[in-house]
N, C-alpha and C. Protein backbone atom coordinates (compact mmCIF):
# COMPACT_ATOMS: atom_id res chain seq x y z
N MET A 1 38.67 8.79 -15.66
CA MET A 1 37.89 9.08 -16.24
C MET A 1 36.83 9.63 -15.92
N ALA A 2 35.76 9.57 -17.18
CA ALA A 2 34.87 11.46 -17.75
C ALA A 2 33.72 10.18 -16.91
N ALA A 3 33.02 10.76 -15.95
CA ALA A 3 31.56 10.08 -16.42
C ALA A 3 30.29 10.77 -17.31
N ASP A 4 29.85 9.46 -17.00
CA ASP A 4 29.15 9.46 -18.36
C ASP A 4 27.26 9.43 -18.12
N PHE A 5 27.03 10.28 -18.41
CA PHE A 5 25.53 11.37 -17.76
C PHE A 5 24.92 10.68 -18.42
N ASP A 6 25.04 10.08 -19.93
CA ASP A 6 24.19 9.46 -20.42
C ASP A 6 23.92 8.17 -20.65
N ASP A 7 24.81 7.62 -18.91
CA ASP A 7 24.39 6.14 -18.68
C ASP A 7 22.68 5.03 -18.89
N PRO A 8 22.54 4.63 -19.22
CA PRO A 8 21.36 3.84 -19.78
C PRO A 8 20.87 3.58 -18.29
N ARG A 9 21.71 3.93 -17.11
CA ARG A 9 20.34 3.15 -15.80
C ARG A 9 20.32 4.93 -14.96
N PHE A 10 20.46 5.63 -15.59
CA PHE A 10 19.70 6.79 -15.44
C PHE A 10 18.78 6.82 -16.30
N THR A 11 18.56 6.87 -17.09
CA THR A 11 17.72 7.06 -18.27
C THR A 11 16.27 6.08 -17.28
N ALA A 12 16.84 4.73 -17.23
CA ALA A 12 15.86 3.40 -16.46
C ALA A 12 15.64 4.13 -15.11
N PHE A 13 16.05 4.79 -14.94
CA PHE A 13 15.14 4.84 -12.32
C PHE A 13 14.86 6.35 -12.83
N GLY A 14 15.77 6.87 -14.75
CA GLY A 14 14.65 8.31 -13.71
C GLY A 14 13.50 8.38 -14.83
N LEU A 15 13.68 7.22 -15.16
CA LEU A 15 11.80 7.37 -16.03
C LEU A 15 10.47 7.00 -14.99
N PHE A 16 11.21 5.91 -14.05
CA PHE A 16 10.90 4.97 -13.14
C PHE A 16 10.62 6.34 -12.60
N SER A 17 11.05 6.82 -12.15
CA SER A 17 10.68 8.27 -11.05
C SER A 17 9.97 9.22 -11.78
N GLU A 18 10.33 9.28 -12.89
CA GLU A 18 8.91 10.56 -12.70
C GLU A 18 8.16 10.16 -12.83
N ALA A 19 7.45 8.82 -13.68
CA ALA A 19 5.91 8.15 -13.62
C ALA A 19 5.90 7.78 -12.16
N PHE A 20 6.32 7.33 -10.94
CA PHE A 20 5.56 6.87 -10.05
C PHE A 20 5.41 8.48 -9.75
N THR A 21 5.78 9.65 -9.66
CA THR A 21 5.38 10.89 -9.37
C THR A 21 4.28 11.27 -9.74
N GLY A 22 4.59 11.16 -11.83
CA GLY A 22 3.85 11.53 -12.44
C GLY A 22 2.13 11.39 -11.93
N LEU A 23 1.77 9.42 -11.56
CA LEU A 23 1.46 9.32 -11.30
C LEU A 23 0.68 9.26 -9.57
N THR A 24 1.18 9.33 -9.38
CA THR A 24 1.12 9.70 -7.31
C THR A 24 0.14 11.35 -7.33
N ASN A 25 1.37 11.98 -8.35
CA ASN A 25 0.67 13.89 -8.33
C ASN A 25 -1.66 13.87 -8.28
N ARG A 26 -1.42 12.99 -9.34
CA ARG A 26 -2.73 12.13 -10.08
C ARG A 26 -3.78 12.55 -9.82
N PHE A 27 -3.01 11.05 -8.00
CA PHE A 27 -3.92 10.55 -7.27
C PHE A 27 -4.07 11.31 -5.98
N ALA A 28 -3.42 12.76 -5.39
CA ALA A 28 -2.96 12.57 -4.78
C ALA A 28 -4.74 13.97 -5.03
N ALA A 29 -4.40 14.32 -6.37
CA ALA A 29 -5.81 15.36 -5.75
C ALA A 29 -7.20 14.29 -5.38
N GLN A 30 -7.24 13.22 -6.01
CA GLN A 30 -8.90 12.30 -5.07
C GLN A 30 -8.57 11.79 -3.71
N PHE A 31 -8.14 11.44 -3.53
CA PHE A 31 -7.45 11.45 -1.96
C PHE A 31 -8.10 12.52 -1.49
N ASP A 32 -7.94 13.61 -1.57
CA ASP A 32 -8.03 14.84 -0.52
C ASP A 32 -9.56 15.28 -0.54
N GLU A 33 -10.00 14.75 -1.52
CA GLU A 33 -10.79 14.45 -1.72
C GLU A 33 -11.81 14.19 -1.49
N HIS A 34 -11.27 12.44 -0.82
CA HIS A 34 -12.12 11.98 0.32
C HIS A 34 -11.23 12.26 1.34
N ARG A 35 -10.57 13.63 1.94
CA ARG A 35 -9.98 13.48 3.20
C ARG A 35 -9.08 12.25 3.91
N LEU A 36 -8.06 11.68 3.09
CA LEU A 36 -7.43 10.53 2.84
C LEU A 36 -6.09 11.18 2.09
N SER A 37 -4.77 10.68 2.80
CA SER A 37 -3.58 10.85 1.94
C SER A 37 -3.39 10.13 1.57
N SER A 38 -2.63 10.33 0.67
CA SER A 38 -1.52 9.19 0.40
C SER A 38 -1.54 7.27 0.70
N VAL A 39 -0.89 7.78 1.92
CA VAL A 39 -0.71 6.50 2.95
C VAL A 39 -1.89 6.25 3.79
N GLU A 40 -2.15 7.38 3.74
CA GLU A 40 -3.55 6.42 4.44
C GLU A 40 -4.80 5.45 3.77
N PHE A 41 -4.83 6.40 2.65
CA PHE A 41 -5.07 5.15 0.85
C PHE A 41 -4.49 3.70 1.06
N GLU A 42 -3.11 3.98 1.81
CA GLU A 42 -2.47 2.42 0.99
C GLU A 42 -2.60 1.21 2.57
N VAL A 43 -2.10 2.23 3.66
CA VAL A 43 -2.78 1.24 4.57
C VAL A 43 -4.83 0.69 4.68
N LEU A 44 -4.80 1.95 4.49
CA LEU A 44 -6.07 0.52 4.58
C LEU A 44 -6.80 0.06 3.10
N LEU A 45 -6.17 -0.16 1.76
CA LEU A 45 -5.86 -0.41 1.27
C LEU A 45 -5.75 -2.18 0.85
N ARG A 46 -4.20 -1.61 2.02
CA ARG A 46 -3.72 -3.01 2.06
C ARG A 46 -4.09 -4.16 3.31
N LEU A 47 -5.41 -3.30 4.43
CA LEU A 47 -5.74 -4.36 4.99
C LEU A 47 -6.61 -4.94 5.23
N ALA A 48 -7.52 -4.58 3.56
CA ALA A 48 -8.54 -4.71 3.01
C ALA A 48 -8.33 -5.61 1.89
N ARG A 49 -6.95 -5.64 1.69
CA ARG A 49 -7.36 -7.29 0.93
C ARG A 49 -6.17 -8.00 1.55
N SER A 50 -5.85 -7.58 2.86
CA SER A 50 -5.55 -9.52 3.74
C SER A 50 -6.58 -9.64 4.19
N PRO A 51 -5.43 -10.77 4.62
CA PRO A 51 -6.70 -12.36 5.41
C PRO A 51 -6.76 -11.09 6.88
N GLN A 52 -8.19 -11.86 7.05
CA GLN A 52 -9.11 -11.13 8.31
C GLN A 52 -8.61 -9.43 7.88
N ASN A 53 -9.21 -8.75 6.95
CA ASN A 53 -8.82 -7.57 6.28
C ASN A 53 -7.92 -6.84 8.37
N ARG A 54 -6.47 -7.03 8.71
CA ARG A 54 -5.75 -7.17 9.42
C ARG A 54 -4.19 -7.38 8.38
N LEU A 55 -3.24 -6.65 9.43
CA LEU A 55 -1.54 -7.01 9.30
C LEU A 55 -1.33 -6.77 11.13
N ARG A 56 -0.52 -8.21 11.35
CA ARG A 56 0.34 -6.97 12.12
C ARG A 56 0.35 -5.70 11.68
N MET A 57 1.15 -5.25 12.82
CA MET A 57 1.73 -4.00 12.24
C MET A 57 3.06 -4.22 12.01
N THR A 58 4.31 -4.49 12.22
CA THR A 58 4.84 -4.91 11.71
C THR A 58 5.35 -5.20 10.37
N ASP A 59 4.16 -6.14 9.83
CA ASP A 59 3.59 -6.78 8.89
C ASP A 59 3.46 -5.31 7.25
N LEU A 60 3.12 -4.03 8.14
CA LEU A 60 2.18 -3.34 8.19
C LEU A 60 2.74 -2.27 7.63
N ALA A 61 4.22 -2.29 8.54
CA ALA A 61 5.59 -1.25 7.92
C ALA A 61 6.44 -2.08 6.66
N GLY A 62 6.81 -3.56 6.32
CA GLY A 62 7.16 -3.96 5.26
C GLY A 62 6.37 -4.20 3.68
N GLN A 63 5.15 -4.02 4.57
CA GLN A 63 4.66 -3.31 2.89
C GLN A 63 3.86 -1.80 2.57
N THR A 64 3.99 -0.72 3.02
CA THR A 64 4.44 0.05 2.81
C THR A 64 5.30 0.54 3.19
N SER A 65 5.58 2.10 2.65
CA SER A 65 6.73 3.07 2.48
C SER A 65 7.08 3.43 4.18
N LEU A 66 6.50 2.65 5.05
CA LEU A 66 6.42 3.79 6.61
C LEU A 66 7.20 3.04 7.34
N SER A 67 8.00 3.88 8.22
CA SER A 67 9.34 2.86 9.11
C SER A 67 8.16 2.31 10.78
N THR A 68 8.88 1.50 11.05
CA THR A 68 7.41 0.74 12.24
C THR A 68 6.85 2.06 13.09
N SER A 69 8.02 2.55 13.12
CA SER A 69 7.38 4.04 14.04
C SER A 69 6.40 4.79 13.27
N GLY A 70 6.62 4.95 11.85
CA GLY A 70 5.95 6.02 11.37
C GLY A 70 4.68 5.30 11.24
N VAL A 71 4.38 3.71 11.23
CA VAL A 71 3.49 3.43 10.76
C VAL A 71 2.29 3.44 12.10
N THR A 72 2.77 3.76 13.80
CA THR A 72 1.95 2.99 14.44
C THR A 72 1.71 5.44 14.08
N ARG A 73 2.90 5.66 14.06
CA ARG A 73 1.83 7.30 13.93
C ARG A 73 0.37 7.15 12.80
N VAL A 74 0.66 6.59 11.60
CA VAL A 74 -0.31 6.39 10.75
C VAL A 74 -1.66 5.55 11.43
N VAL A 75 -1.67 4.02 13.04
CA VAL A 75 -2.42 4.00 12.94
C VAL A 75 -3.13 4.46 14.16
N ASP A 76 -2.06 5.37 14.62
CA ASP A 76 -3.06 5.73 15.27
C ASP A 76 -3.63 7.09 15.42
N ARG A 77 -3.86 7.40 13.95
CA ARG A 77 -3.78 8.60 14.22
C ARG A 77 -4.90 7.69 13.23
N MET A 78 -5.10 6.65 12.73
CA MET A 78 -6.55 6.76 11.27
C MET A 78 -7.44 5.92 12.41
N ASP A 79 -6.69 5.50 13.95
CA ASP A 79 -7.30 4.69 15.45
C ASP A 79 -8.53 5.93 15.59
N ARG A 80 -8.14 7.03 16.01
CA ARG A 80 -8.55 8.08 16.44
C ARG A 80 -10.04 8.36 15.67
N GLY A 81 -9.96 8.44 14.30
CA GLY A 81 -10.42 8.87 13.07
C GLY A 81 -11.17 7.59 13.51
N GLY A 82 -11.36 6.06 14.09
CA GLY A 82 -12.65 5.13 13.06
C GLY A 82 -12.09 4.51 12.01
N LEU A 83 -10.98 4.85 10.87
CA LEU A 83 -10.98 4.25 10.16
C LEU A 83 -10.40 2.54 10.07
N ILE A 84 -9.23 2.53 11.03
CA ILE A 84 -8.96 1.17 11.61
C ILE A 84 -8.79 0.94 12.79
N ARG A 85 -8.35 -0.30 13.71
CA ARG A 85 -8.19 -0.28 14.95
C ARG A 85 -7.08 -0.93 15.32
N ARG A 86 -6.85 -0.51 16.42
CA ARG A 86 -5.09 -2.24 17.24
C ARG A 86 -5.98 -3.54 17.67
N GLU A 87 -5.14 -4.03 17.24
CA GLU A 87 -6.40 -5.22 17.96
C GLU A 87 -4.69 -6.04 18.47
N ALA A 88 -4.66 -6.20 20.11
CA ALA A 88 -3.42 -7.06 20.56
C ALA A 88 -3.35 -8.89 20.27
N CYS A 89 -2.79 -9.25 19.73
CA CYS A 89 -2.15 -10.49 19.54
C CYS A 89 -2.44 -11.55 20.50
N PRO A 90 -2.74 -12.96 19.88
CA PRO A 90 -3.52 -13.35 21.89
C PRO A 90 -1.79 -14.37 22.14
N THR A 91 -1.00 -15.04 20.76
CA THR A 91 -0.92 -15.86 21.07
C THR A 91 1.06 -15.03 21.12
N ASP A 92 0.76 -13.11 21.72
CA ASP A 92 2.43 -12.53 21.95
C ASP A 92 2.28 -11.38 21.89
N ARG A 93 2.46 -11.05 23.03
CA ARG A 93 1.92 -9.52 23.73
C ARG A 93 2.49 -8.53 23.16
N ARG A 94 3.67 -8.85 22.53
CA ARG A 94 4.83 -8.15 22.05
C ARG A 94 4.64 -7.55 20.79
N SER A 95 3.22 -8.19 19.90
CA SER A 95 3.06 -7.39 18.79
C SER A 95 1.75 -6.83 18.94
N SER A 96 0.62 -6.32 17.52
CA SER A 96 -0.40 -5.59 17.63
C SER A 96 -1.00 -6.32 16.77
N TYR A 97 -2.40 -5.98 15.64
CA TYR A 97 -2.70 -5.85 14.64
C TYR A 97 -4.03 -4.55 14.35
N ALA A 98 -2.57 -4.31 13.08
CA ALA A 98 -4.41 -3.45 12.54
C ALA A 98 -5.43 -3.49 11.65
N VAL A 99 -6.69 -3.76 12.09
CA VAL A 99 -7.70 -3.55 11.67
C VAL A 99 -8.31 -2.93 10.75
N ILE A 100 -9.23 -3.16 10.14
CA ILE A 100 -9.60 -2.26 9.96
C ILE A 100 -11.45 -1.77 9.31
N THR A 101 -11.77 -1.35 9.99
CA THR A 101 -14.14 -1.36 11.06
C THR A 101 -13.97 -0.77 9.82
N LYS A 102 -15.69 -1.22 10.23
CA LYS A 102 -16.09 -0.68 8.74
C LYS A 102 -16.53 0.93 8.34
N ALA A 103 -15.89 1.35 9.07
CA ALA A 103 -15.81 2.61 8.64
C ALA A 103 -15.01 2.96 7.94
N GLY A 104 -14.07 2.30 7.60
CA GLY A 104 -12.47 2.07 7.47
C GLY A 104 -12.89 1.41 5.93
N ILE A 105 -13.65 0.18 5.81
CA ILE A 105 -14.73 -0.41 4.14
C ILE A 105 -15.49 1.04 3.70
N LYS A 106 -15.96 1.50 4.90
CA LYS A 106 -17.47 2.09 3.39
C LYS A 106 -16.28 3.27 2.52
N ARG A 107 -14.83 4.35 3.91
CA ARG A 107 -14.22 5.06 3.11
C ARG A 107 -13.05 4.47 2.15
N LEU A 108 -12.27 3.82 1.73
CA LEU A 108 -12.49 2.72 0.77
C LEU A 108 -12.71 2.81 -0.16
N GLU A 109 -14.00 2.35 0.11
CA GLU A 109 -15.41 1.76 -1.62
C GLU A 109 -15.88 3.51 -1.68
N GLU A 110 -15.22 4.88 -0.98
CA GLU A 110 -15.95 5.58 -1.43
C GLU A 110 -15.37 6.15 -2.65
N VAL A 111 -13.68 6.13 -2.00
CA VAL A 111 -13.08 6.17 -2.67
C VAL A 111 -12.34 5.46 -4.10
N LEU A 112 -12.63 4.43 -4.25
CA LEU A 112 -11.92 3.54 -4.96
C LEU A 112 -13.19 4.04 -6.67
N PRO A 113 -14.06 3.79 -6.75
CA PRO A 113 -14.21 3.86 -7.98
C PRO A 113 -13.77 4.79 -9.02
N GLY A 114 -13.29 6.26 -8.27
CA GLY A 114 -12.64 7.12 -8.78
C GLY A 114 -10.71 7.25 -9.53
N HIS A 115 -10.48 6.28 -8.29
CA HIS A 115 -8.94 6.21 -8.24
C HIS A 115 -8.79 5.06 -9.15
N LEU A 116 -9.77 3.93 -9.40
CA LEU A 116 -10.31 3.05 -10.24
C LEU A 116 -9.80 3.63 -11.68
N GLU A 117 -10.37 4.52 -12.48
CA GLU A 117 -10.24 5.49 -12.64
C GLU A 117 -9.66 6.05 -13.81
N LEU A 118 -8.46 6.39 -11.88
CA LEU A 118 -6.99 7.43 -12.71
C LEU A 118 -6.71 6.42 -12.63
N MET A 119 -6.76 5.52 -11.87
CA MET A 119 -5.57 4.05 -12.20
C MET A 119 -5.09 3.85 -14.01
N GLN A 120 -6.83 3.44 -14.36
CA GLN A 120 -6.90 2.87 -15.90
C GLN A 120 -6.41 4.30 -16.71
N ARG A 121 -6.83 5.51 -16.71
CA ARG A 121 -6.65 5.87 -17.58
C ARG A 121 -5.03 6.78 -17.04
N TRP A 122 -4.56 6.49 -16.92
CA TRP A 122 -3.10 7.22 -16.59
C TRP A 122 -2.25 5.34 -16.32
N PHE A 123 -2.55 4.89 -15.63
CA PHE A 123 -1.31 3.59 -16.25
C PHE A 123 -1.58 2.67 -17.32
N ILE A 124 -3.13 2.23 -16.95
CA ILE A 124 -3.55 0.69 -17.88
C ILE A 124 -3.18 1.15 -18.90
N ASP A 125 -3.98 1.71 -19.10
CA ASP A 125 -4.36 2.31 -20.96
C ASP A 125 -3.39 2.23 -21.34
N GLN A 126 -1.95 2.70 -21.35
CA GLN A 126 -1.20 3.54 -21.29
C GLN A 126 -0.32 2.09 -21.91
N LEU A 127 -0.13 1.14 -21.24
CA LEU A 127 0.70 -0.25 -21.71
C LEU A 127 -0.55 -1.43 -22.53
N SER A 128 -0.24 -1.99 -23.47
CA SER A 128 -0.56 -3.27 -23.87
C SER A 128 -0.94 -3.87 -22.74
N PRO A 129 -1.37 -5.06 -22.39
CA PRO A 129 -1.65 -6.43 -21.77
C PRO A 129 -0.16 -7.22 -21.48
N ALA A 130 0.24 -7.79 -23.08
CA ALA A 130 1.29 -7.45 -22.71
C ALA A 130 2.29 -6.80 -21.97
N ASN A 131 2.76 -5.86 -22.36
CA ASN A 131 3.20 -4.04 -21.45
C ASN A 131 2.98 -4.95 -20.34
N LEU A 132 2.02 -4.67 -19.98
CA LEU A 132 1.30 -4.56 -18.80
C LEU A 132 1.96 -5.94 -18.09
N ASP A 133 1.65 -7.34 -18.18
CA ASP A 133 2.21 -8.40 -18.35
C ASP A 133 3.48 -8.12 -18.11
N HIS A 134 4.56 -8.24 -18.46
CA HIS A 134 6.26 -8.11 -18.62
C HIS A 134 5.97 -6.86 -16.79
N MET A 135 5.41 -5.34 -16.75
CA MET A 135 5.96 -4.60 -16.17
C MET A 135 5.88 -5.10 -14.98
N LEU A 136 4.35 -5.48 -14.52
CA LEU A 136 4.53 -6.16 -13.57
C LEU A 136 5.81 -7.39 -12.81
N ASN A 137 6.18 -8.71 -13.24
CA ASN A 137 6.19 -9.04 -13.52
C ASN A 137 7.73 -8.91 -12.63
N SER A 138 7.91 -7.49 -13.73
CA SER A 138 9.25 -6.48 -13.95
C SER A 138 9.61 -6.22 -11.96
N LEU A 139 7.88 -5.93 -11.77
CA LEU A 139 8.55 -4.50 -10.74
C LEU A 139 8.22 -5.47 -9.52
N ARG A 140 7.45 -7.23 -10.15
CA ARG A 140 7.87 -7.65 -8.67
C ARG A 140 9.33 -8.62 -8.41
N THR A 141 10.30 -8.48 -9.40
CA THR A 141 11.15 -8.91 -9.19
C THR A 141 12.28 -7.95 -8.61
N ILE A 142 12.07 -6.28 -8.63
CA ILE A 142 12.75 -5.63 -8.58
C ILE A 142 12.43 -5.68 -6.85
N ARG A 143 10.95 -5.31 -6.47
CA ARG A 143 9.92 -5.17 -5.12
C ARG A 143 10.18 -6.27 -4.12
N ASP A 144 10.47 -7.88 -4.24
CA ASP A 144 11.05 -9.18 -3.97
C ASP A 144 12.86 -8.61 -3.32
N ALA A 145 13.67 -8.22 -4.70
CA ALA A 145 15.42 -7.69 -4.39
C ALA A 145 14.71 -6.55 -3.42
N VAL A 146 14.61 -5.81 -3.51
CA VAL A 146 14.85 -4.47 -2.81
C VAL A 146 14.31 -3.94 -1.52
N ASN A 147 12.84 -5.48 -0.97
CA ASN A 147 11.55 -5.52 0.23
C ASN A 147 11.08 -6.22 0.05
N PRO A 148 11.95 -7.96 0.70
CA PRO A 148 11.61 -8.54 0.81
C PRO A 148 10.64 -9.06 1.91
N CYS A 149 10.31 -7.66 2.58
CA CYS A 149 9.35 -8.05 3.59
C CYS A 149 7.91 -7.67 2.68
N ALA A 150 7.87 -7.79 1.63
CA ALA A 150 6.14 -6.92 0.88
C ALA A 150 5.35 -7.20 1.23
N THR A 151 5.49 -8.43 1.21
CA THR A 151 4.06 -9.04 1.45
C THR A 151 3.61 -10.16 2.71
N ALA A 152 5.00 -9.94 3.45
CA ALA A 152 4.44 -10.52 5.00
C ALA A 152 3.24 -10.01 5.39
N GLY A 153 2.46 -11.99 6.07
CA GLY A 153 1.39 -10.99 6.14
C GLY A 153 0.15 -10.63 5.62
N SER A 154 0.45 -11.01 3.69
CA SER A 154 -0.25 -11.39 3.02
C SER A 154 -1.56 -12.18 3.00
N ASP A 155 -0.38 -13.70 2.88
CA ASP A 155 -1.45 -15.28 2.38
C ASP A 155 -0.84 -15.75 4.05
N ALA A 156 -0.55 -15.14 5.00
CA ALA A 156 -0.71 -16.08 5.70
C ALA A 156 -1.26 -16.03 6.79
N LEU A 157 -3.08 -17.28 6.23
CA LEU A 157 -3.80 -17.21 7.67
C LEU A 157 -3.42 -17.92 8.76
N ASP A 158 -3.48 -16.63 9.98
CA ASP A 158 -2.75 -17.59 11.16
C ASP A 158 -4.53 -17.77 11.86
N ASP A 159 -3.43 -19.40 12.97
CA ASP A 159 -4.63 -19.66 13.47
C ASP A 159 -5.54 -19.29 14.29
N GLU A 160 -5.56 -17.81 14.60
CA GLU A 160 -6.20 -17.17 15.75
C GLU A 160 -7.80 -17.26 15.64
N PRO A 161 -8.57 -17.27 16.06
CA PRO A 161 -9.94 -17.06 15.09
C PRO A 161 -9.75 -15.42 14.96
N ALA A 162 -10.96 -15.55 13.58
CA ALA A 162 -11.80 -13.91 13.24
C ALA A 162 -11.39 -12.76 14.07
N PRO A 163 -11.36 -11.69 14.13
CA PRO A 163 -11.57 -10.51 14.00
C PRO A 163 -13.09 -10.23 14.81
N SER A 164 -13.64 -9.25 15.79
CA SER A 164 -15.33 -9.80 15.14
C SER A 164 -15.62 -7.87 14.37
N ALA A 165 -15.97 -7.93 13.42
CA ALA A 165 -16.49 -6.76 12.51
C ALA A 165 -16.30 -5.61 13.64
N ALA A 166 -15.89 -4.46 13.10
CA ALA A 166 -15.94 -2.51 13.98
C ALA A 166 -16.74 -2.06 13.09
């Protein structure tokens, strides 16, 4: 049996991959201007959008493209830079939180206007509102299938007191 190199599955995934790579490349220069990597931006944004501006380290790994050890390295580096801090979990000694600091919020606020402008121009404006809704639903379906931990900790406010702002 001969391989079908024109299989539409190759086309679907190839287009998705090319679009993602193209967008990532458009964003990279803007992140560099603000002394952030794309991973650091993703971590700051995830924390800023999370309840109490924090996530358990394991949940942060599940929501990003990083392994647990990768999250540890990024969090340690960003902690040294004052953008986030680690906070012990009072109910589980094995767990800790990554918490965005005031400096991290400030850096994110500096990056966001340009990032939103690029997202609007190169992503949102390319789709009709109906196509964007369909794409978001489709991407959530795929994300939930391949990464069921991707939303871990994002909607669960625990019974612990809110951490003090740094």
